[in-house]
């Protein structure tokens, strides 16, 4: 059981933070997404979304491209190859932890 707790403590905090986990998961399902779509999907404020995207960009997990569509600013976000690997590995680690937790229940009779 100690190994599982060590694995949990060893999760990448940049990826595991709930808002960033939601963003990375959403981005893993598409080629790219614009800022407004990500804001609607996550329910984050503009400021919070911008802060989380900056942290993900600093960590090399996303690329942010700012452009204009007509006269309107448009921000596109996409996973980097490192970001795609990070989110896939993170979900695999969570699945392993879930399987381990289910085994603990069967060992102690679910108490």
PDB file of N, CA and C in Angstrom:
ATOM      1  N   UNK A   1       0.823  -1.185   0.000  1.00  0.00           N
ATOM      2  CA  UNK A   1       0.000   0.000   0.000  1.00  0.00           C
ATOM      3  C   UNK A   1       0.870   1.253   0.000  1.00  0.00           C
ATOM      4  N   UNK A   2       2.016   1.188   0.622  1.00  0.00           N
ATOM      5  CA  UNK A   2       2.914   2.335   0.677  1.00  0.00           C
ATOM      6  C   UNK A   2       3.338   2.754  -0.724  1.00  0.00           C
ATOM      7  N   UNK A   3       3.560   1.780  -1.623  1.00  0.00           N
ATOM      8  CA  UNK A   3       3.950   2.113  -2.990  1.00  0.00           C
ATOM      9  C   UNK A   3       2.891   2.966  -3.678  1.00  0.00           C
ATOM     10  N   UNK A   4       1.622   2.635  -3.428  1.00  0.00           N
ATOM     11  CA  UNK A   4       0.540   3.396  -4.054  1.00  0.00           C
ATOM     12  C   UNK A   4       0.529   4.831  -3.544  1.00  0.00           C
ATOM     13  N   UNK A   5       0.750   5.013  -2.246  1.00  0.00           N
ATOM     14  CA  UNK A   5       0.786   6.369  -1.709  1.00  0.00           C
ATOM     15  C   UNK A   5       1.988   7.136  -2.242  1.00  0.00           C
ATOM     16  N   UNK A   6       3.089   6.453  -2.435  1.00  0.00           N
ATOM     17  CA  UNK A   6       4.260   7.097  -3.035  1.00  0.00           C
ATOM     18  C   UNK A   6       3.966   7.489  -4.478  1.00  0.00           C
ATOM     19  N   UNK A   7       3.255   6.611  -5.191  1.00  0.00           N
ATOM     20  CA  UNK A   7       2.881   6.920  -6.575  1.00  0.00           C
ATOM     21  C   UNK A   7       1.953   8.128  -6.615  1.00  0.00           C
ATOM     22  N   UNK A   8       1.020   8.183  -5.685  1.00  0.00           N
ATOM     23  CA  UNK A   8       0.100   9.318  -5.620  1.00  0.00           C
ATOM     24  C   UNK A   8       0.863  10.606  -5.320  1.00  0.00           C
ATOM     25  N   UNK A   9       1.769  10.552  -4.379  1.00  0.00           N
ATOM     26  CA  UNK A   9       2.572  11.725  -4.028  1.00  0.00           C
ATOM     27  C   UNK A   9       3.493  12.125  -5.177  1.00  0.00           C
ATOM     28  N   UNK A  10       3.834  11.173  -6.027  1.00  0.00           N
ATOM     29  CA  UNK A  10       4.743  11.439  -7.132  1.00  0.00           C
ATOM     30  C   UNK A  10       4.076  11.942  -8.399  1.00  0.00           C
ATOM     31  N   UNK A  11       2.752  12.095  -8.386  1.00  0.00           N
ATOM     32  CA  UNK A  11       2.074  12.610  -9.576  1.00  0.00           C
ATOM     33  C   UNK A  11       2.553  14.024  -9.882  1.00  0.00           C
ATOM     34  N   UNK A  12       2.657  14.324 -11.150  1.00  0.00           N
ATOM     35  CA  UNK A  12       3.097  15.643 -11.603  1.00  0.00           C
ATOM     36  C   UNK A  12       2.054  16.683 -11.189  1.00  0.00           C
ATOM     37  N   UNK A  13       2.416  17.575 -10.291  1.00  0.00           N
ATOM     38  CA  UNK A  13       1.480  18.576  -9.760  1.00  0.00           C
ATOM     39  C   UNK A  13       1.033  19.576 -10.830  1.00  0.00           C
ATOM     40  N   UNK A  14       1.882  19.822 -11.816  1.00  0.00           N
ATOM     41  CA  UNK A  14       1.485  20.727 -12.897  1.00  0.00           C
ATOM     42  C   UNK A  14       0.309  20.123 -13.666  1.00  0.00           C
ATOM     43  N   UNK A  15       0.360  18.842 -13.919  1.00  0.00           N
ATOM     44  CA  UNK A  15      -0.686  18.154 -14.673  1.00  0.00           C
ATOM     45  C   UNK A  15      -1.889  17.847 -13.782  1.00  0.00           C
ATOM     46  N   UNK A  16      -1.648  17.462 -12.538  1.00  0.00           N
ATOM     47  CA  UNK A  16      -2.707  16.949 -11.673  1.00  0.00           C
ATOM     48  C   UNK A  16      -3.656  18.031 -11.153  1.00  0.00           C
ATOM     49  N   UNK A  17      -3.245  19.287 -11.132  1.00  0.00           N
ATOM     50  CA  UNK A  17      -4.124  20.351 -10.655  1.00  0.00           C
ATOM     51  C   UNK A  17      -5.420  20.282 -11.474  1.00  0.00           C
ATOM     52  N   UNK A  18      -6.601  20.289 -10.828  1.00  0.00           N
ATOM     53  CA  UNK A  18      -7.865  20.006 -11.525  1.00  0.00           C
ATOM     54  C   UNK A  18      -8.135  20.823 -12.787  1.00  0.00           C
ATOM     55  N   UNK A  19      -7.918  22.129 -12.755  1.00  0.00           N
ATOM     56  CA  UNK A  19      -8.189  22.934 -13.949  1.00  0.00           C
ATOM     57  C   UNK A  19      -7.237  22.564 -15.079  1.00  0.00           C
ATOM     58  N   UNK A  20      -5.962  22.352 -14.746  1.00  0.00           N
ATOM     59  CA  UNK A  20      -4.987  21.998 -15.789  1.00  0.00           C
ATOM     60  C   UNK A  20      -5.228  20.584 -16.303  1.00  0.00           C
ATOM     61  N   UNK A  21      -5.637  19.693 -15.422  1.00  0.00           N
ATOM     62  CA  UNK A  21      -5.977  18.334 -15.856  1.00  0.00           C
ATOM     63  C   UNK A  21      -7.142  18.382 -16.840  1.00  0.00           C
ATOM     64  N   UNK A  22      -8.146  19.220 -16.555  1.00  0.00           N
ATOM     65  CA  UNK A  22      -9.285  19.377 -17.468  1.00  0.00           C
ATOM     66  C   UNK A  22      -8.834  19.953 -18.809  1.00  0.00           C
ATOM     67  N   UNK A  23      -7.975  20.952 -18.771  1.00  0.00           N
ATOM     68  CA  UNK A  23      -7.487  21.559 -20.009  1.00  0.00           C
ATOM     69  C   UNK A  23      -6.692  20.561 -20.841  1.00  0.00           C
ATOM     70  N   UNK A  24      -5.764  19.864 -20.209  1.00  0.00           N
ATOM     71  CA  UNK A  24      -4.937  18.898 -20.939  1.00  0.00           C
ATOM     72  C   UNK A  24      -5.787  17.754 -21.495  1.00  0.00           C
ATOM     73  N   UNK A  25      -6.760  17.312 -20.725  1.00  0.00           N
ATOM     74  CA  UNK A  25      -7.636  16.238 -21.195  1.00  0.00           C
ATOM     75  C   UNK A  25      -8.439  16.704 -22.398  1.00  0.00           C
ATOM     76  N   UNK A  26      -8.990  17.907 -22.324  1.00  0.00           N
ATOM     77  CA  UNK A  26      -9.748  18.453 -23.456  1.00  0.00           C
ATOM     78  C   UNK A  26      -8.860  18.593 -24.688  1.00  0.00           C
ATOM     79  N   UNK A  27      -7.664  19.120 -24.493  1.00  0.00           N
ATOM     80  CA  UNK A  27      -6.758  19.310 -25.629  1.00  0.00           C
ATOM     81  C   UNK A  27      -6.278  17.989 -26.215  1.00  0.00           C
ATOM     82  N   UNK A  28      -6.255  16.933 -25.405  1.00  0.00           N
ATOM     83  CA  UNK A  28      -5.812  15.636 -25.923  1.00  0.00           C
ATOM     84  C   UNK A  28      -6.832  15.039 -26.890  1.00  0.00           C
ATOM     85  N   UNK A  29      -8.043  15.582 -26.881  1.00  0.00           N
ATOM     86  CA  UNK A  29      -9.108  15.057 -27.741  1.00  0.00           C
ATOM     87  C   UNK A  29      -9.227  15.818 -29.069  1.00  0.00           C
ATOM     88  N   UNK A  30      -8.376  16.821 -29.278  1.00  0.00           N
ATOM     89  CA  UNK A  30      -8.475  17.607 -30.500  1.00  0.00           C
ATOM     90  C   UNK A  30      -7.090  18.070 -30.937  1.00  0.00           C
ATOM     91  N   UNK A  31      -7.039  18.605 -32.123  1.00  0.00           N
ATOM     92  CA  UNK A  31      -5.765  19.123 -32.642  1.00  0.00           C
ATOM     93  C   UNK A  31      -5.394  20.433 -31.955  1.00  0.00           C
ATOM     94  N   UNK A  32      -6.394  21.309 -31.772  1.00  0.00           N
ATOM     95  CA  UNK A  32      -6.198  22.565 -31.062  1.00  0.00           C
ATOM     96  C   UNK A  32      -7.567  23.082 -30.641  1.00  0.00           C
ATOM     97  N   UNK A  33      -7.566  24.052 -29.742  1.00  0.00           N
ATOM     98  CA  UNK A  33      -8.815  24.672 -29.302  1.00  0.00           C
ATOM     99  C   UNK A  33      -8.553  26.146 -29.060  1.00  0.00           C
ATOM    100  N   UNK A  34      -9.570  26.950 -29.270  1.00  0.00           N
ATOM    101  CA  UNK A  34      -9.384  28.366 -29.008  1.00  0.00           C
ATOM    102  C   UNK A  34      -9.721  28.692 -27.557  1.00  0.00           C
ATOM    103  N   UNK A  35      -9.265  29.844 -27.136  1.00  0.00           N
ATOM    104  CA  UNK A  35      -9.390  30.282 -25.749  1.00  0.00           C
ATOM    105  C   UNK A  35     -10.852  30.275 -25.298  1.00  0.00           C
ATOM    106  N   UNK A  36     -11.737  30.816 -26.127  1.00  0.00           N
ATOM    107  CA  UNK A  36     -13.152  30.912 -25.750  1.00  0.00           C
ATOM    108  C   UNK A  36     -13.760  29.521 -25.573  1.00  0.00           C
ATOM    109  N   UNK A  37     -13.428  28.601 -26.441  1.00  0.00           N
ATOM    110  CA  UNK A  37     -13.943  27.223 -26.307  1.00  0.00           C
ATOM    111  C   UNK A  37     -13.457  26.581 -25.019  1.00  0.00           C
ATOM    112  N   UNK A  38     -12.189  26.769 -24.699  1.00  0.00           N
ATOM    113  CA  UNK A  38     -11.636  26.220 -23.456  1.00  0.00           C
ATOM    114  C   UNK A  38     -12.289  26.865 -22.235  1.00  0.00           C
ATOM    115  N   UNK A  39     -12.565  28.153 -22.338  1.00  0.00           N
ATOM    116  CA  UNK A  39     -13.214  28.841 -21.223  1.00  0.00           C
ATOM    117  C   UNK A  39     -14.621  28.298 -21.010  1.00  0.00           C
ATOM    118  N   UNK A  40     -15.366  28.115 -22.077  1.00  0.00           N
ATOM    119  CA  UNK A  40     -16.725  27.566 -21.967  1.00  0.00           C
ATOM    120  C   UNK A  40     -16.705  26.141 -21.429  1.00  0.00           C
ATOM    121  N   UNK A  41     -15.781  25.361 -21.920  1.00  0.00           N
ATOM    122  CA  UNK A  41     -15.692  23.957 -21.516  1.00  0.00           C
ATOM    123  C   UNK A  41     -15.347  23.801 -20.040  1.00  0.00           C
ATOM    124  N   UNK A  42     -14.416  24.605 -19.559  1.00  0.00           N
ATOM    125  CA  UNK A  42     -13.942  24.454 -18.181  1.00  0.00           C
ATOM    126  C   UNK A  42     -14.695  25.310 -17.175  1.00  0.00           C
ATOM    127  N   UNK A  43     -15.340  26.366 -17.646  1.00  0.00           N
ATOM    128  CA  UNK A  43     -16.012  27.272 -16.726  1.00  0.00           C
ATOM    129  C   UNK A  43     -15.066  28.198 -15.989  1.00  0.00           C
ATOM    130  N   UNK A  44     -13.827  28.248 -16.397  1.00  0.00           N
ATOM    131  CA  UNK A  44     -12.835  29.126 -15.761  1.00  0.00           C
ATOM    132  C   UNK A  44     -13.044  30.569 -16.208  1.00  0.00           C
ATOM    133  N   UNK A  45     -12.681  31.498 -15.342  1.00  0.00           N
ATOM    134  CA  UNK A  45     -12.692  32.900 -15.740  1.00  0.00           C
ATOM    135  C   UNK A  45     -11.545  33.129 -16.729  1.00  0.00           C
ATOM    136  N   UNK A  46     -11.601  34.241 -17.435  1.00  0.00           N
ATOM    137  CA  UNK A  46     -10.526  34.570 -18.378  1.00  0.00           C
ATOM    138  C   UNK A  46      -9.179  34.614 -17.676  1.00  0.00           C
ATOM    139  N   UNK A  47      -9.153  35.251 -16.503  1.00  0.00           N
ATOM    140  CA  UNK A  47      -7.896  35.371 -15.761  1.00  0.00           C
ATOM    141  C   UNK A  47      -7.351  34.033 -15.300  1.00  0.00           C
ATOM    142  N   UNK A  48      -8.225  33.179 -14.752  1.00  0.00           N
ATOM    143  CA  UNK A  48      -7.780  31.855 -14.304  1.00  0.00           C
ATOM    144  C   UNK A  48      -7.312  31.009 -15.472  1.00  0.00           C
ATOM    145  N   UNK A  49      -8.073  31.038 -16.560  1.00  0.00           N
ATOM    146  CA  UNK A  49      -7.686  30.257 -17.735  1.00  0.00           C
ATOM    147  C   UNK A  49      -6.333  30.725 -18.255  1.00  0.00           C
ATOM    148  N   UNK A  50      -6.156  32.020 -18.341  1.00  0.00           N
ATOM    149  CA  UNK A  50      -4.890  32.570 -18.819  1.00  0.00           C
ATOM    150  C   UNK A  50      -3.728  32.143 -17.927  1.00  0.00           C
ATOM    151  N   UNK A  51      -3.929  32.179 -16.604  1.00  0.00           N
ATOM    152  CA  UNK A  51      -2.885  31.774 -15.663  1.00  0.00           C
ATOM    153  C   UNK A  51      -2.534  30.305 -15.822  1.00  0.00           C
ATOM    154  N   UNK A  52      -3.552  29.437 -15.916  1.00  0.00           N
ATOM    155  CA  UNK A  52      -3.290  28.004 -16.061  1.00  0.00           C
ATOM    156  C   UNK A  52      -2.612  27.698 -17.398  1.00  0.00           C
ATOM    157  N   UNK A  53      -3.038  28.368 -18.456  1.00  0.00           N
ATOM    158  CA  UNK A  53      -2.397  28.141 -19.756  1.00  0.00           C
ATOM    159  C   UNK A  53      -0.942  28.600 -19.728  1.00  0.00           C
ATOM    160  N   UNK A  54      -0.667  29.691 -19.038  1.00  0.00           N
ATOM    161  CA  UNK A  54       0.720  30.164 -18.925  1.00  0.00           C
ATOM    162  C   UNK A  54       1.583  29.138 -18.199  1.00  0.00           C
ATOM    163  N   UNK A  55       1.056  28.556 -17.124  1.00  0.00           N
ATOM    164  CA  UNK A  55       1.815  27.526 -16.395  1.00  0.00           C
ATOM    165  C   UNK A  55       2.073  26.314 -17.282  1.00  0.00           C
ATOM    166  N   UNK A  56       1.059  25.920 -18.058  1.00  0.00           N
ATOM    167  CA  UNK A  56       1.232  24.770 -18.956  1.00  0.00           C
ATOM    168  C   UNK A  56       2.234  25.089 -20.066  1.00  0.00           C
ATOM    169  N   UNK A  57       2.211  26.322 -20.543  1.00  0.00           N
ATOM    170  CA  UNK A  57       3.161  26.734 -21.578  1.00  0.00           C
ATOM    171  C   UNK A  57       4.581  26.766 -21.010  1.00  0.00           C
ATOM    172  N   UNK A  58       4.746  27.314 -19.811  1.00  0.00           N
ATOM    173  CA  UNK A  58       6.067  27.360 -19.159  1.00  0.00           C
ATOM    174  C   UNK A  58       6.631  25.955 -18.958  1.00  0.00           C
ATOM    175  N   UNK A  59       5.751  24.990 -18.695  1.00  0.00           N
ATOM    176  CA  UNK A  59       6.174  23.607 -18.485  1.00  0.00           C
ATOM    177  C   UNK A  59       6.413  22.880 -19.807  1.00  0.00           C
ATOM    178  N   UNK A  60       6.148  23.542 -20.929  1.00  0.00           N
ATOM    179  CA  UNK A  60       6.373  22.931 -22.238  1.00  0.00           C
ATOM    180  C   UNK A  60       5.286  21.943 -22.640  1.00  0.00           C
ATOM    181  N   UNK A  61       4.118  22.040 -22.008  1.00  0.00           N
ATOM    182  CA  UNK A  61       3.051  21.077 -22.288  1.00  0.00           C
ATOM    183  C   UNK A  61       2.066  21.559 -23.346  1.00  0.00           C
ATOM    184  N   UNK A  62       1.975  22.879 -23.535  1.00  0.00           N
ATOM    185  CA  UNK A  62       1.107  23.430 -24.579  1.00  0.00           C
ATOM    186  C   UNK A  62       1.844  24.505 -25.349  1.00  0.00           C
ATOM    187  N   UNK A  63       1.367  24.743 -26.562  1.00  0.00           N
ATOM    188  CA  UNK A  63       1.829  25.866 -27.382  1.00  0.00           C
ATOM    189  C   UNK A  63       0.649  26.812 -27.520  1.00  0.00           C
ATOM    190  N   UNK A  64       0.914  28.090 -27.408  1.00  0.00           N
ATOM    191  CA  UNK A  64      -0.133  29.101 -27.527  1.00  0.00           C
ATOM    192  C   UNK A  64       0.206  29.983 -28.722  1.00  0.00           C
ATOM    193  N   UNK A  65      -0.762  30.105 -29.605  1.00  0.00           N
ATOM    194  CA  UNK A  65      -0.581  30.914 -30.818  1.00  0.00           C
ATOM    195  C   UNK A  65      -1.628  32.022 -30.811  1.00  0.00           C
ATOM    196  N   UNK A  66      -1.167  33.253 -30.825  1.00  0.00           N
ATOM    197  CA  UNK A  66      -2.073  34.401 -30.846  1.00  0.00           C
ATOM    198  C   UNK A  66      -2.100  34.949 -32.268  1.00  0.00           C
ATOM    199  N   UNK A  67      -3.310  35.174 -32.752  1.00  0.00           N
ATOM    200  CA  UNK A  67      -3.480  35.673 -34.108  1.00  0.00           C
ATOM    201  C   UNK A  67      -4.734  36.545 -34.154  1.00  0.00           C
ATOM    202  N   UNK A  68      -4.993  37.115 -35.290  1.00  0.00           N
ATOM    203  CA  UNK A  68      -6.216  37.871 -35.494  1.00  0.00           C
ATOM    204  C   UNK A  68      -7.035  37.173 -36.554  1.00  0.00           C
ATOM    205  N   UNK A  69      -8.333  37.070 -36.310  1.00  0.00           N
ATOM    206  CA  UNK A  69      -9.277  36.587 -37.295  1.00  0.00           C
ATOM    207  C   UNK A  69     -10.138  37.796 -37.628  1.00  0.00           C
ATOM    208  N   UNK A  70      -9.899  38.336 -38.823  1.00  0.00           N
ATOM    209  CA  UNK A  70     -10.475  39.638 -39.125  1.00  0.00           C
ATOM    210  C   UNK A  70      -9.800  40.643 -38.211  1.00  0.00           C
ATOM    211  N   UNK A  71     -10.583  41.372 -37.446  1.00  0.00           N
ATOM    212  CA  UNK A  71     -10.011  42.335 -36.504  1.00  0.00           C
ATOM    213  C   UNK A  71     -10.095  41.839 -35.070  1.00  0.00           C
ATOM    214  N   UNK A  72     -10.530  40.603 -34.886  1.00  0.00           N
ATOM    215  CA  UNK A  72     -10.685  40.059 -33.535  1.00  0.00           C
ATOM    216  C   UNK A  72      -9.483  39.195 -33.161  1.00  0.00           C
ATOM    217  N   UNK A  73      -8.986  39.374 -31.926  1.00  0.00           N
ATOM    218  CA  UNK A  73      -7.891  38.504 -31.476  1.00  0.00           C
ATOM    219  C   UNK A  73      -8.403  37.078 -31.273  1.00  0.00           C
ATOM    220  N   UNK A  74      -7.544  36.136 -31.576  1.00  0.00           N
ATOM    221  CA  UNK A  74      -7.888  34.723 -31.418  1.00  0.00           C
ATOM    222  C   UNK A  74      -6.663  34.003 -30.868  1.00  0.00           C
ATOM    223  N   UNK A  75      -6.865  33.251 -29.807  1.00  0.00           N
ATOM    224  CA  UNK A  75      -5.776  32.500 -29.188  1.00  0.00           C
ATOM    225  C   UNK A  75      -6.044  31.017 -29.372  1.00  0.00           C
ATOM    226  N   UNK A  76      -5.133  30.335 -30.023  1.00  0.00           N
ATOM    227  CA  UNK A  76      -5.230  28.888 -30.221  1.00  0.00           C
ATOM    228  C   UNK A  76      -4.253  28.192 -29.295  1.00  0.00           C
ATOM    229  N   UNK A  77      -4.706  27.078 -28.743  1.00  0.00           N
ATOM    230  CA  UNK A  77      -3.879  26.305 -27.825  1.00  0.00           C
ATOM    231  C   UNK A  77      -3.815  24.881 -28.338  1.00  0.00           C
ATOM    232  N   UNK A  78      -2.621  24.305 -28.309  1.00  0.00           N
ATOM    233  CA  UNK A  78      -2.464  22.895 -28.700  1.00  0.00           C
ATOM    234  C   UNK A  78      -1.446  22.236 -27.786  1.00  0.00           C
ATOM    235  N   UNK A  79      -1.623  20.931 -27.624  1.00  0.00           N
ATOM    236  CA  UNK A  79      -0.646  20.163 -26.852  1.00  0.00           C
ATOM    237  C   UNK A  79       0.657  20.060 -27.616  1.00  0.00           C
ATOM    238  N   UNK A  80       1.749  20.098 -26.915  1.00  0.00           N
ATOM    239  CA  UNK A  80       3.034  19.756 -27.506  1.00  0.00           C
ATOM    240  C   UNK A  80       3.145  18.228 -27.451  1.00  0.00           C
ATOM    241  N   UNK A  81       4.086  17.638 -28.152  1.00  0.00           N
ATOM    242  CA  UNK A  81       4.284  16.191 -28.004  1.00  0.00           C
ATOM    243  C   UNK A  81       4.543  15.807 -26.543  1.00  0.00           C
ATOM    244  N   UNK A  82       5.284  16.654 -25.820  1.00  0.00           N
ATOM    245  CA  UNK A  82       5.545  16.392 -24.398  1.00  0.00           C
ATOM    246  C   UNK A  82       4.261  16.464 -23.581  1.00  0.00           C
ATOM    247  N   UNK A  83       3.387  17.393 -23.954  1.00  0.00           N
ATOM    248  CA  UNK A  83       2.105  17.522 -23.261  1.00  0.00           C
ATOM    249  C   UNK A  83       1.214  16.317 -23.485  1.00  0.00           C
ATOM    250  N   UNK A  84       1.206  15.820 -24.719  1.00  0.00           N
ATOM    251  CA  UNK A  84       0.404  14.631 -25.028  1.00  0.00           C
ATOM    252  C   UNK A  84       0.919  13.436 -24.232  1.00  0.00           C
ATOM    253  N   UNK A  85       2.224  13.276 -24.173  1.00  0.00           N
ATOM    254  CA  UNK A  85       2.814  12.185 -23.394  1.00  0.00           C
ATOM    255  C   UNK A  85       2.487  12.345 -21.911  1.00  0.00           C
ATOM    256  N   UNK A  86       2.603  13.572 -21.412  1.00  0.00           N
ATOM    257  CA  UNK A  86       2.359  13.823 -19.982  1.00  0.00           C
ATOM    258  C   UNK A  86       0.927  13.478 -19.591  1.00  0.00           C
ATOM    259  N   UNK A  87      -0.055  13.872 -20.403  1.00  0.00           N
ATOM    260  CA  UNK A  87      -1.450  13.603 -20.029  1.00  0.00           C
ATOM    261  C   UNK A  87      -1.760  12.121 -20.165  1.00  0.00           C
ATOM    262  N   UNK A  88      -1.209  11.470 -21.171  1.00  0.00           N
ATOM    263  CA  UNK A  88      -1.432  10.023 -21.313  1.00  0.00           C
ATOM    264  C   UNK A  88      -0.823   9.270 -20.130  1.00  0.00           C
ATOM    265  N   UNK A  89       0.391   9.624 -19.753  1.00  0.00           N
ATOM    266  CA  UNK A  89       1.045   8.958 -18.617  1.00  0.00           C
ATOM    267  C   UNK A  89       0.317   9.247 -17.309  1.00  0.00           C
ATOM    268  N   UNK A  90      -0.211  10.441 -17.178  1.00  0.00           N
ATOM    269  CA  UNK A  90      -0.929  10.813 -15.958  1.00  0.00           C
ATOM    270  C   UNK A  90      -2.192   9.968 -15.808  1.00  0.00           C
ATOM    271  N   UNK A  91      -2.971   9.847 -16.879  1.00  0.00           N
ATOM    272  CA  UNK A  91      -4.194   9.030 -16.799  1.00  0.00           C
ATOM    273  C   UNK A  91      -3.857   7.569 -16.557  1.00  0.00           C
ATOM    274  N   UNK A  92      -2.772   7.083 -17.145  1.00  0.00           N
ATOM    275  CA  UNK A  92      -2.353   5.697 -16.879  1.00  0.00           C
ATOM    276  C   UNK A  92      -2.001   5.510 -15.413  1.00  0.00           C
ATOM    277  N   UNK A  93      -1.303   6.483 -14.832  1.00  0.00           N
ATOM    278  CA  UNK A  93      -0.938   6.402 -13.408  1.00  0.00           C
ATOM    279  C   UNK A  93      -2.191   6.412 -12.539  1.00  0.00           C
ATOM    280  N   UNK A  94      -3.161   7.248 -12.871  1.00  0.00           N
ATOM    281  CA  UNK A  94      -4.407   7.288 -12.097  1.00  0.00           C
ATOM    282  C   UNK A  94      -5.173   5.968 -12.220  1.00  0.00           C
ATOM    283  N   UNK A  95      -5.155   5.385 -13.413  1.00  0.00           N
ATOM    284  CA  UNK A  95      -5.826   4.086 -13.593  1.00  0.00           C
ATOM    285  C   UNK A  95      -5.147   2.999 -12.763  1.00  0.00           C
ATOM    286  N   UNK A  96      -3.819   3.011 -12.715  1.00  0.00           N
ATOM    287  CA  UNK A  96      -3.100   2.040 -11.883  1.00  0.00           C
ATOM    288  C   UNK A  96      -3.452   2.230 -10.407  1.00  0.00           C
ATOM    289  N   UNK A  97      -3.493   3.464  -9.954  1.00  0.00           N
ATOM    290  CA  UNK A  97      -3.856   3.749  -8.565  1.00  0.00           C
ATOM    291  C   UNK A  97      -5.281   3.279  -8.264  1.00  0.00           C
ATOM    292  N   UNK A  98      -6.178   3.468  -9.211  1.00  0.00           N
ATOM    293  CA  UNK A  98      -7.560   3.014  -9.030  1.00  0.00           C
ATOM    294  C   UNK A  98      -7.618   1.490  -8.914  1.00  0.00           C
ATOM    295  N   UNK A  99      -6.893   0.806  -9.775  1.00  0.00           N
ATOM    296  CA  UNK A  99      -6.852  -0.674  -9.698  1.00  0.00           C
ATOM    297  C   UNK A  99      -6.282  -1.123  -8.361  1.00  0.00           C
ATOM    298  N   UNK A 100      -5.216  -0.466  -7.916  1.00  0.00           N
ATOM    299  CA  UNK A 100      -4.613  -0.814  -6.623  1.00  0.00           C
ATOM    300  C   UNK A 100      -5.615  -0.606  -5.489  1.00  0.00           C
ATOM    301  N   UNK A 101      -6.338   0.487  -5.527  1.00  0.00           N
ATOM    302  CA  UNK A 101      -7.321   0.772  -4.476  1.00  0.00           C
ATOM    303  C   UNK A 101      -8.426  -0.282  -4.467  1.00  0.00           C
ATOM    304  N   UNK A 102      -8.821  -0.746  -5.625  1.00  0.00           N
ATOM    305  CA  UNK A 102      -9.839  -1.795  -5.682  1.00  0.00           C
ATOM    306  C   UNK A 102      -9.310  -3.092  -5.069  1.00  0.00           C
ATOM    307  N   UNK A 103      -8.035  -3.379  -5.269  1.00  0.00           N
ATOM    308  CA  UNK A 103      -7.445  -4.578  -4.664  1.00  0.00           C
ATOM    309  C   UNK A 103      -7.390  -4.453  -3.145  1.00  0.00           C
ATOM    310  N   UNK A 104      -7.142  -3.244  -2.628  1.00  0.00           N
ATOM    311  CA  UNK A 104      -7.118  -3.056  -1.171  1.00  0.00           C
ATOM    312  C   UNK A 104      -8.481  -3.411  -0.592  1.00  0.00           C
ATOM    313  N   UNK A 105      -9.548  -3.028  -1.278  1.00  0.00           N
ATOM    314  CA  UNK A 105     -10.886  -3.315  -0.787  1.00  0.00           C
ATOM    315  C   UNK A 105     -11.106  -4.817  -0.677  1.00  0.00           C
ATOM    316  N   UNK A 106     -10.653  -5.554  -1.673  1.00  0.00           N
ATOM    317  CA  UNK A 106     -10.872  -7.000  -1.648  1.00  0.00           C
ATOM    318  C   UNK A 106     -10.013  -7.683  -0.575  1.00  0.00           C
ATOM    319  N   UNK A 107      -8.858  -7.089  -0.246  1.00  0.00           N
ATOM    320  CA  UNK A 107      -7.967  -7.666   0.773  1.00  0.00           C
ATOM    321  C   UNK A 107      -8.538  -7.453   2.162  1.00  0.00           C
ATOM    322  N   UNK A 108      -9.076  -6.260   2.453  1.00  0.00           N
ATOM    323  CA  UNK A 108      -9.568  -6.003   3.812  1.00  0.00           C
ATOM    324  C   UNK A 108     -11.076  -6.179   3.933  1.00  0.00           C
ATOM    325  N   UNK A 109     -11.698  -6.764   2.940  1.00  0.00           N
ATOM    326  CA  UNK A 109     -13.134  -7.029   3.000  1.00  0.00           C
ATOM    327  C   UNK A 109     -13.986  -5.818   2.783  1.00  0.00           C
ATOM    328  N   UNK A 110     -13.412  -4.754   2.202  1.00  0.00           N
ATOM    329  CA  UNK A 110     -14.153  -3.562   1.901  1.00  0.00           C
ATOM    330  C   UNK A 110     -14.469  -2.695   3.108  1.00  0.00           C
ATOM    331  N   UNK A 111     -13.770  -2.902   4.207  1.00  0.00           N
ATOM    332  CA  UNK A 111     -14.058  -2.123   5.422  1.00  0.00           C
ATOM    333  C   UNK A 111     -13.239  -0.868   5.496  1.00  0.00           C
TER     334      UNK A 111
END
